[in-house]
Amino acid sequence: MRIDINEIVKLNESKGFHFFEPSTMRFFSSRKPTEAYLNEAENKAYFVTSEQFVSSLNEKAVRKYSVRVCNMATGDINTIGEFNKLNRNEAVKQAKELSLKLLVA
């Protein structure tokens, strides 16, 4: 089931975390999606962020993607798999699959 990413942003902030804080997002040149995928059985939401390394000489690396999981009870967010290693399609596919994993069992 899809949910608005702003639900996760508000939850994360209300629990005292800073994952989506503007200064954090700027530091990593991060972008957040507009939606996430909720796994109701796990009470977790999976989503994708992208990050881009920019050197002190303003040289930009290729934008890469990471799959994230938010515990909807605690608001804590963690990375699934390796940070910043996927292309967009791979990351979205993994997030969607993870959101369904216990529902089809």
Protein backbone atom coordinates (compact mmCIF):
# COMPACT_ATOMS: atom_id res chain seq x y z
CA MET A 1 0.00 0.00 0.00
CA ARG A 2 1.34 3.43 -0.91
CA ILE A 3 1.55 6.24 1.61
CA ASP A 4 2.59 9.88 1.36
CA ILE A 5 6.24 10.39 2.35
CA ASN A 6 5.15 13.38 4.46
CA GLU A 7 3.62 10.95 6.96
CA ILE A 8 7.08 9.49 7.49
CA VAL A 9 8.71 12.92 7.64
CA LYS A 10 6.29 14.05 10.36
CA LEU A 11 6.65 10.80 12.32
CA ASN A 12 10.46 10.90 12.16
CA GLU A 13 10.51 14.51 13.34
CA SER A 14 7.94 13.95 16.10
CA LYS A 15 10.08 11.15 17.56
CA GLY A 16 13.13 13.43 17.75
CA PHE A 17 15.00 12.19 14.68
CA HIS A 18 16.59 14.41 12.03
CA PHE A 19 16.66 12.25 8.91
CA PHE A 20 14.76 14.76 6.76
CA GLU A 21 16.15 17.93 8.29
CA PRO A 22 17.06 20.40 5.51
CA SER A 23 20.71 20.68 6.61
CA THR A 24 21.05 16.88 6.55
CA MET A 25 19.44 16.66 3.12
CA ARG A 26 21.74 19.42 1.78
CA PHE A 27 24.88 17.79 3.19
CA PHE A 28 24.19 14.58 1.25
CA SER A 29 22.56 16.33 -1.75
CA SER A 30 19.63 14.07 -0.94
CA ARG A 31 16.26 13.92 -2.57
CA LYS A 32 13.25 12.24 -1.07
CA PRO A 33 10.38 10.63 -2.97
CA THR A 34 6.76 11.69 -2.77
CA GLU A 35 5.57 8.29 -1.62
CA ALA A 36 6.56 5.20 0.31
CA TYR A 37 5.32 1.60 0.40
CA LEU A 38 3.73 0.44 3.64
CA ASN A 39 3.99 -3.14 4.83
CA GLU A 40 1.12 -3.26 7.31
CA ALA A 41 2.09 -6.70 8.63
CA GLU A 42 5.53 -5.38 9.70
CA ASN A 43 4.35 -1.83 10.46
CA LYS A 44 7.24 -0.59 8.31
CA ALA A 45 7.38 1.72 5.33
CA TYR A 46 9.94 1.34 2.56
CA PHE A 47 11.07 4.21 0.39
CA VAL A 48 13.92 5.38 -1.81
CA THR A 49 16.26 8.33 -1.42
CA SER A 50 18.93 9.54 -3.78
CA GLU A 51 22.24 11.06 -2.90
CA GLN A 52 24.94 12.72 -4.97
CA PHE A 53 28.49 13.36 -3.85
CA VAL A 54 29.77 16.83 -4.74
CA SER A 55 33.48 17.49 -4.24
CA SER A 56 34.95 20.69 -2.85
CA LEU A 57 35.73 21.58 -6.49
CA ASN A 58 32.01 21.20 -7.28
CA GLU A 59 32.60 18.00 -9.26
CA LYS A 60 29.46 15.90 -9.14
CA ALA A 61 29.38 12.12 -9.00
CA VAL A 62 26.53 10.17 -10.56
CA ARG A 63 23.35 10.32 -8.45
CA LYS A 64 22.76 6.96 -6.76
CA TYR A 65 19.86 5.54 -4.78
CA SER A 66 19.34 3.82 -1.45
CA VAL A 67 16.41 1.83 -0.07
CA ARG A 68 15.27 2.97 3.36
CA VAL A 69 12.90 1.53 5.94
CA CYS A 70 10.96 3.44 8.56
CA ASN A 71 9.67 1.69 11.66
CA MET A 72 6.19 3.21 11.88
CA ALA A 73 6.06 2.63 15.64
CA THR A 74 9.33 4.37 16.52
CA GLY A 75 9.94 6.69 13.56
CA ASP A 76 13.49 5.34 13.21
CA ILE A 77 14.87 5.09 9.66
CA ASN A 78 17.56 2.67 8.48
CA THR A 79 19.19 1.75 5.19
CA ILE A 80 18.43 -1.60 3.58
CA GLY A 81 21.44 -3.08 1.78
CA GLU A 82 24.34 -0.90 0.72
CA PHE A 83 24.11 2.87 0.87
CA ASN A 84 24.09 4.76 -2.42
CA LYS A 85 24.76 1.78 -4.72
CA LEU A 86 21.59 1.35 -6.80
CA ASN A 87 20.08 2.97 -9.83
CA ARG A 88 16.57 4.36 -9.48
CA ASN A 89 14.72 1.40 -11.02
CA GLU A 90 16.56 -1.17 -8.89
CA ALA A 91 15.87 0.79 -5.71
CA VAL A 92 12.16 1.30 -6.40
CA LYS A 93 11.75 -2.38 -7.31
CA GLN A 94 13.41 -3.47 -4.03
CA ALA A 95 11.30 -1.07 -1.94
CA LYS A 96 8.09 -2.35 -3.51
CA GLU A 97 9.13 -6.00 -3.06
CA LEU A 98 10.04 -5.45 0.59
CA SER A 99 6.68 -3.83 1.27
CA LEU A 100 4.95 -6.99 0.03
CA LYS A 101 7.24 -9.70 1.44
CA LEU A 102 5.17 -10.90 4.41
CA LEU A 103 1.82 -10.26 2.80
CA VAL A 104 2.26 -12.97 0.15
CA ALA A 105 3.63 -15.64 2.48
